[in-house]
Amino acid sequence: MEQGRFQEAYRTLKRVEPPCSKGPLPPPHALWRLGRWLADKGRRRRARLPFRLFLELYPHHEDRPEVLRDLALVENSLGRHREAAGLVEQVRRLAPEKVAG
């Protein structure tokens, strides 16, 4: 990812089953950036993996509300409205100021 090879980073992440069971953990912001990049490129289904992995690996990270919000936007765009609403509720509990409207 440092060299702008986001597709390669996603393929590598997807190959590891279960993700991160072997080797070093991906840095939290790398996962978040990868998820955002995939979502911005219209690959919303793929964006779910790095966002969910961030949330699983870093449950107490200070940027968790923002990642939850980004995942909620992805889920909503995929028509998964119930899942999106649950994620927004988590954001509301963690950081009410991060919820717009």
N, C-alpha and C. Protein backbone atom coordinates (compact mmCIF):
# COMPACT_ATOMS: atom_id res chain seq x y z
N MET A 1 0.82 -1.19 0.00
CA MET A 1 0.00 0.00 0.00
C MET A 1 0.86 1.25 0.00
N GLU A 2 2.02 1.17 0.62
CA GLU A 2 2.88 2.34 0.66
C GLU A 2 3.25 2.82 -0.73
N GLN A 3 3.22 1.92 -1.69
CA GLN A 3 3.57 2.28 -3.06
C GLN A 3 2.32 2.41 -3.93
N GLY A 4 1.16 2.52 -3.29
CA GLY A 4 -0.08 2.72 -4.03
C GLY A 4 -0.64 1.46 -4.66
N ARG A 5 -0.22 0.30 -4.20
CA ARG A 5 -0.70 -0.96 -4.78
C ARG A 5 -1.80 -1.54 -3.91
N PHE A 6 -2.95 -0.87 -3.90
CA PHE A 6 -4.06 -1.25 -3.04
C PHE A 6 -4.67 -2.59 -3.47
N GLN A 7 -4.79 -2.84 -4.77
CA GLN A 7 -5.37 -4.10 -5.24
C GLN A 7 -4.53 -5.28 -4.75
N GLU A 8 -3.23 -5.15 -4.84
CA GLU A 8 -2.34 -6.21 -4.38
C GLU A 8 -2.48 -6.40 -2.87
N ALA A 9 -2.61 -5.32 -2.14
CA ALA A 9 -2.80 -5.41 -0.69
C ALA A 9 -4.09 -6.15 -0.37
N TYR A 10 -5.16 -5.86 -1.11
CA TYR A 10 -6.43 -6.53 -0.87
C TYR A 10 -6.32 -8.03 -1.17
N ARG A 11 -5.70 -8.38 -2.29
CA ARG A 11 -5.56 -9.79 -2.64
C ARG A 11 -4.76 -10.54 -1.59
N THR A 12 -3.72 -9.93 -1.08
CA THR A 12 -2.91 -10.55 -0.04
C THR A 12 -3.72 -10.75 1.22
N LEU A 13 -4.47 -9.74 1.61
CA LEU A 13 -5.31 -9.82 2.80
C LEU A 13 -6.36 -10.92 2.66
N LYS A 14 -6.95 -11.02 1.50
CA LYS A 14 -8.01 -12.00 1.26
C LYS A 14 -7.48 -13.43 1.26
N ARG A 15 -6.23 -13.63 0.86
CA ARG A 15 -5.65 -14.98 0.77
C ARG A 15 -5.43 -15.62 2.13
N VAL A 16 -5.19 -14.84 3.14
CA VAL A 16 -4.88 -15.38 4.47
C VAL A 16 -6.18 -15.83 5.12
N GLU A 17 -6.29 -17.10 5.45
CA GLU A 17 -7.49 -17.66 6.06
C GLU A 17 -7.16 -18.27 7.40
N PRO A 18 -7.80 -17.93 8.47
CA PRO A 18 -8.53 -16.69 8.63
C PRO A 18 -7.55 -15.53 8.62
N PRO A 19 -8.04 -14.35 8.27
CA PRO A 19 -7.11 -13.21 8.16
C PRO A 19 -6.25 -13.04 9.41
N CYS A 20 -4.99 -12.90 9.18
CA CYS A 20 -4.01 -12.57 10.22
C CYS A 20 -3.76 -13.70 11.21
N SER A 21 -4.11 -14.94 10.84
CA SER A 21 -3.84 -16.04 11.75
C SER A 21 -2.34 -16.37 11.78
N LYS A 22 -1.65 -15.95 10.72
CA LYS A 22 -0.21 -16.19 10.63
C LYS A 22 0.47 -14.88 10.26
N GLY A 23 1.58 -14.64 10.88
CA GLY A 23 2.34 -13.45 10.52
C GLY A 23 1.91 -12.22 11.29
N PRO A 24 2.51 -11.10 10.92
CA PRO A 24 2.22 -9.85 11.65
C PRO A 24 0.83 -9.32 11.33
N LEU A 25 0.31 -8.56 12.26
CA LEU A 25 -1.00 -7.92 12.05
C LEU A 25 -0.84 -6.71 11.15
N PRO A 26 -1.79 -6.50 10.25
CA PRO A 26 -1.72 -5.28 9.45
C PRO A 26 -1.98 -4.07 10.35
N PRO A 27 -1.32 -2.97 10.11
CA PRO A 27 -1.54 -1.77 10.92
C PRO A 27 -2.99 -1.29 10.75
N PRO A 28 -3.57 -0.75 11.82
CA PRO A 28 -4.97 -0.35 11.75
C PRO A 28 -5.26 0.67 10.66
N HIS A 29 -4.40 1.66 10.51
CA HIS A 29 -4.70 2.68 9.51
C HIS A 29 -4.52 2.18 8.09
N ALA A 30 -3.69 1.15 7.91
CA ALA A 30 -3.57 0.54 6.58
C ALA A 30 -4.89 -0.15 6.22
N LEU A 31 -5.48 -0.85 7.18
CA LEU A 31 -6.78 -1.49 6.93
C LEU A 31 -7.84 -0.45 6.60
N TRP A 32 -7.87 0.60 7.38
CA TRP A 32 -8.88 1.65 7.18
C TRP A 32 -8.70 2.31 5.81
N ARG A 33 -7.45 2.62 5.46
CA ARG A 33 -7.19 3.24 4.15
C ARG A 33 -7.57 2.30 3.01
N LEU A 34 -7.28 1.01 3.17
CA LEU A 34 -7.63 0.05 2.13
C LEU A 34 -9.14 -0.03 1.96
N GLY A 35 -9.87 -0.08 3.07
CA GLY A 35 -11.33 -0.09 3.00
C GLY A 35 -11.88 1.15 2.34
N ARG A 36 -11.34 2.30 2.69
CA ARG A 36 -11.80 3.56 2.08
C ARG A 36 -11.50 3.59 0.59
N TRP A 37 -10.31 3.13 0.22
CA TRP A 37 -9.93 3.13 -1.19
C TRP A 37 -10.87 2.22 -1.99
N LEU A 38 -11.13 1.02 -1.48
CA LEU A 38 -12.03 0.11 -2.18
C LEU A 38 -13.42 0.71 -2.30
N ALA A 39 -13.93 1.30 -1.23
CA ALA A 39 -15.26 1.92 -1.27
C ALA A 39 -15.30 3.07 -2.27
N ASP A 40 -14.27 3.89 -2.28
CA ASP A 40 -14.20 5.02 -3.21
C ASP A 40 -14.13 4.56 -4.66
N LYS A 41 -13.55 3.38 -4.90
CA LYS A 41 -13.43 2.84 -6.25
C LYS A 41 -14.68 2.06 -6.66
N GLY A 42 -15.71 2.06 -5.80
CA GLY A 42 -16.95 1.36 -6.12
C GLY A 42 -16.91 -0.12 -5.80
N ARG A 43 -15.90 -0.55 -5.08
CA ARG A 43 -15.78 -1.96 -4.70
C ARG A 43 -16.24 -2.12 -3.25
N ARG A 44 -17.50 -1.78 -3.04
CA ARG A 44 -18.02 -1.73 -1.67
C ARG A 44 -18.06 -3.10 -1.00
N ARG A 45 -18.40 -4.14 -1.72
CA ARG A 45 -18.40 -5.49 -1.11
C ARG A 45 -17.01 -5.85 -0.60
N ARG A 46 -16.01 -5.54 -1.38
CA ARG A 46 -14.64 -5.84 -0.97
C ARG A 46 -14.19 -4.97 0.19
N ALA A 47 -14.72 -3.76 0.27
CA ALA A 47 -14.33 -2.84 1.34
C ALA A 47 -14.72 -3.37 2.71
N ARG A 48 -15.71 -4.23 2.74
CA ARG A 48 -16.18 -4.76 4.03
C ARG A 48 -15.09 -5.54 4.75
N LEU A 49 -14.25 -6.29 4.02
CA LEU A 49 -13.22 -7.11 4.66
C LEU A 49 -12.23 -6.29 5.48
N PRO A 50 -11.57 -5.30 4.90
CA PRO A 50 -10.61 -4.55 5.74
C PRO A 50 -11.28 -3.77 6.87
N PHE A 51 -12.48 -3.24 6.64
CA PHE A 51 -13.17 -2.54 7.73
C PHE A 51 -13.49 -3.50 8.87
N ARG A 52 -14.04 -4.66 8.54
CA ARG A 52 -14.40 -5.63 9.59
C ARG A 52 -13.16 -6.16 10.29
N LEU A 53 -12.09 -6.35 9.54
CA LEU A 53 -10.85 -6.82 10.16
C LEU A 53 -10.30 -5.77 11.13
N PHE A 54 -10.35 -4.51 10.74
CA PHE A 54 -9.95 -3.42 11.64
C PHE A 54 -10.74 -3.53 12.95
N LEU A 55 -12.06 -3.66 12.82
CA LEU A 55 -12.92 -3.69 14.01
C LEU A 55 -12.65 -4.91 14.88
N GLU A 56 -12.32 -6.03 14.25
CA GLU A 56 -12.04 -7.25 14.99
C GLU A 56 -10.68 -7.19 15.70
N LEU A 57 -9.68 -6.69 14.99
CA LEU A 57 -8.32 -6.69 15.54
C LEU A 57 -8.06 -5.56 16.52
N TYR A 58 -8.77 -4.44 16.36
CA TYR A 58 -8.50 -3.26 17.17
C TYR A 58 -9.78 -2.75 17.83
N PRO A 59 -10.34 -3.53 18.76
CA PRO A 59 -11.63 -3.17 19.35
C PRO A 59 -11.62 -1.88 20.18
N HIS A 60 -10.46 -1.44 20.62
CA HIS A 60 -10.40 -0.24 21.47
C HIS A 60 -9.68 0.92 20.79
N HIS A 61 -9.51 0.84 19.49
CA HIS A 61 -8.80 1.88 18.75
C HIS A 61 -9.59 3.18 18.78
N GLU A 62 -8.90 4.29 18.89
CA GLU A 62 -9.57 5.60 18.98
C GLU A 62 -10.34 5.96 17.71
N ASP A 63 -9.99 5.38 16.58
CA ASP A 63 -10.68 5.67 15.33
C ASP A 63 -11.83 4.70 15.03
N ARG A 64 -12.16 3.86 15.97
CA ARG A 64 -13.23 2.88 15.79
C ARG A 64 -14.55 3.52 15.34
N PRO A 65 -14.99 4.63 15.93
CA PRO A 65 -16.25 5.22 15.48
C PRO A 65 -16.24 5.60 14.00
N GLU A 66 -15.13 6.12 13.52
CA GLU A 66 -15.04 6.50 12.11
C GLU A 66 -15.08 5.29 11.20
N VAL A 67 -14.42 4.21 11.61
CA VAL A 67 -14.42 2.98 10.80
C VAL A 67 -15.82 2.38 10.81
N LEU A 68 -16.48 2.38 11.96
CA LEU A 68 -17.87 1.91 12.03
C LEU A 68 -18.76 2.73 11.10
N ARG A 69 -18.57 4.04 11.11
CA ARG A 69 -19.36 4.92 10.24
C ARG A 69 -19.11 4.60 8.77
N ASP A 70 -17.85 4.42 8.40
CA ASP A 70 -17.53 4.10 7.01
C ASP A 70 -18.13 2.75 6.60
N LEU A 71 -18.06 1.77 7.50
CA LEU A 71 -18.66 0.47 7.20
C LEU A 71 -20.17 0.59 7.10
N ALA A 72 -20.78 1.41 7.93
CA ALA A 72 -22.23 1.63 7.85
C ALA A 72 -22.62 2.22 6.51
N LEU A 73 -21.84 3.15 6.01
CA LEU A 73 -22.11 3.74 4.69
C LEU A 73 -22.02 2.69 3.59
N VAL A 74 -21.03 1.82 3.69
CA VAL A 74 -20.87 0.74 2.71
C VAL A 74 -22.07 -0.21 2.78
N GLU A 75 -22.40 -0.65 3.99
CA GLU A 75 -23.53 -1.58 4.15
C GLU A 75 -24.82 -0.96 3.62
N ASN A 76 -25.05 0.29 3.93
CA ASN A 76 -26.26 0.97 3.46
C ASN A 76 -26.29 1.03 1.93
N SER A 77 -25.15 1.32 1.32
CA SER A 77 -25.10 1.40 -0.15
C SER A 77 -25.32 0.04 -0.80
N LEU A 78 -25.09 -1.03 -0.05
CA LEU A 78 -25.31 -2.38 -0.57
C LEU A 78 -26.72 -2.89 -0.26
N GLY A 79 -27.54 -2.01 0.32
CA GLY A 79 -28.91 -2.39 0.64
C GLY A 79 -29.05 -3.16 1.94
N ARG A 80 -28.01 -3.20 2.72
CA ARG A 80 -28.02 -3.92 4.00
C ARG A 80 -28.34 -2.91 5.11
N HIS A 81 -29.56 -2.43 5.06
CA HIS A 81 -29.97 -1.31 5.92
C HIS A 81 -30.01 -1.68 7.40
N ARG A 82 -30.42 -2.87 7.73
CA ARG A 82 -30.46 -3.28 9.14
C ARG A 82 -29.05 -3.32 9.73
N GLU A 83 -28.11 -3.87 8.96
CA GLU A 83 -26.72 -3.91 9.42
C GLU A 83 -26.17 -2.50 9.58
N ALA A 84 -26.47 -1.63 8.61
CA ALA A 84 -26.01 -0.24 8.67
C ALA A 84 -26.57 0.46 9.90
N ALA A 85 -27.84 0.24 10.19
CA ALA A 85 -28.46 0.87 11.36
C ALA A 85 -27.80 0.39 12.65
N GLY A 86 -27.46 -0.88 12.72
CA GLY A 86 -26.78 -1.41 13.91
C GLY A 86 -25.40 -0.78 14.09
N LEU A 87 -24.71 -0.57 12.99
CA LEU A 87 -23.39 0.06 13.07
C LEU A 87 -23.50 1.52 13.49
N VAL A 88 -24.50 2.22 12.96
CA VAL A 88 -24.70 3.62 13.34
C VAL A 88 -25.03 3.70 14.83
N GLU A 89 -25.79 2.75 15.33
CA GLU A 89 -26.11 2.74 16.77
C GLU A 89 -24.83 2.56 17.60
N GLN A 90 -23.92 1.73 17.12
CA GLN A 90 -22.64 1.58 17.83
C GLN A 90 -21.86 2.89 17.83
N VAL A 91 -21.86 3.59 16.70
CA VAL A 91 -21.19 4.89 16.63
C VAL A 91 -21.84 5.85 17.61
N ARG A 92 -23.16 5.85 17.65
CA ARG A 92 -23.89 6.75 18.54
C ARG A 92 -23.51 6.50 20.00
N ARG A 93 -23.31 5.24 20.35
CA ARG A 93 -22.92 4.92 21.74
C ARG A 93 -21.48 5.32 22.03
N LEU A 94 -20.59 5.11 21.05
CA LEU A 94 -19.17 5.41 21.27
C LEU A 94 -18.84 6.89 21.17
N ALA A 95 -19.43 7.55 20.17
CA ALA A 95 -19.08 8.95 19.90
C ALA A 95 -20.26 9.62 19.22
N PRO A 96 -21.23 10.09 20.00
CA PRO A 96 -22.42 10.69 19.41
C PRO A 96 -22.12 11.84 18.45
N GLU A 97 -21.03 12.55 18.66
CA GLU A 97 -20.70 13.68 17.80
C GLU A 97 -20.30 13.24 16.39
N LYS A 98 -20.01 11.95 16.20
CA LYS A 98 -19.60 11.45 14.89
C LYS A 98 -20.79 11.08 14.01
N VAL A 99 -22.00 11.09 14.57
CA VAL A 99 -23.20 10.72 13.81
C VAL A 99 -23.83 11.99 13.28
N ALA A 100 -23.91 12.08 11.96
CA ALA A 100 -24.55 13.25 11.34
C ALA A 100 -26.04 13.02 11.25
N GLY A 101 -26.81 13.98 11.70
CA GLY A 101 -28.27 13.88 11.61
C GLY A 101 -28.79 12.98 12.56
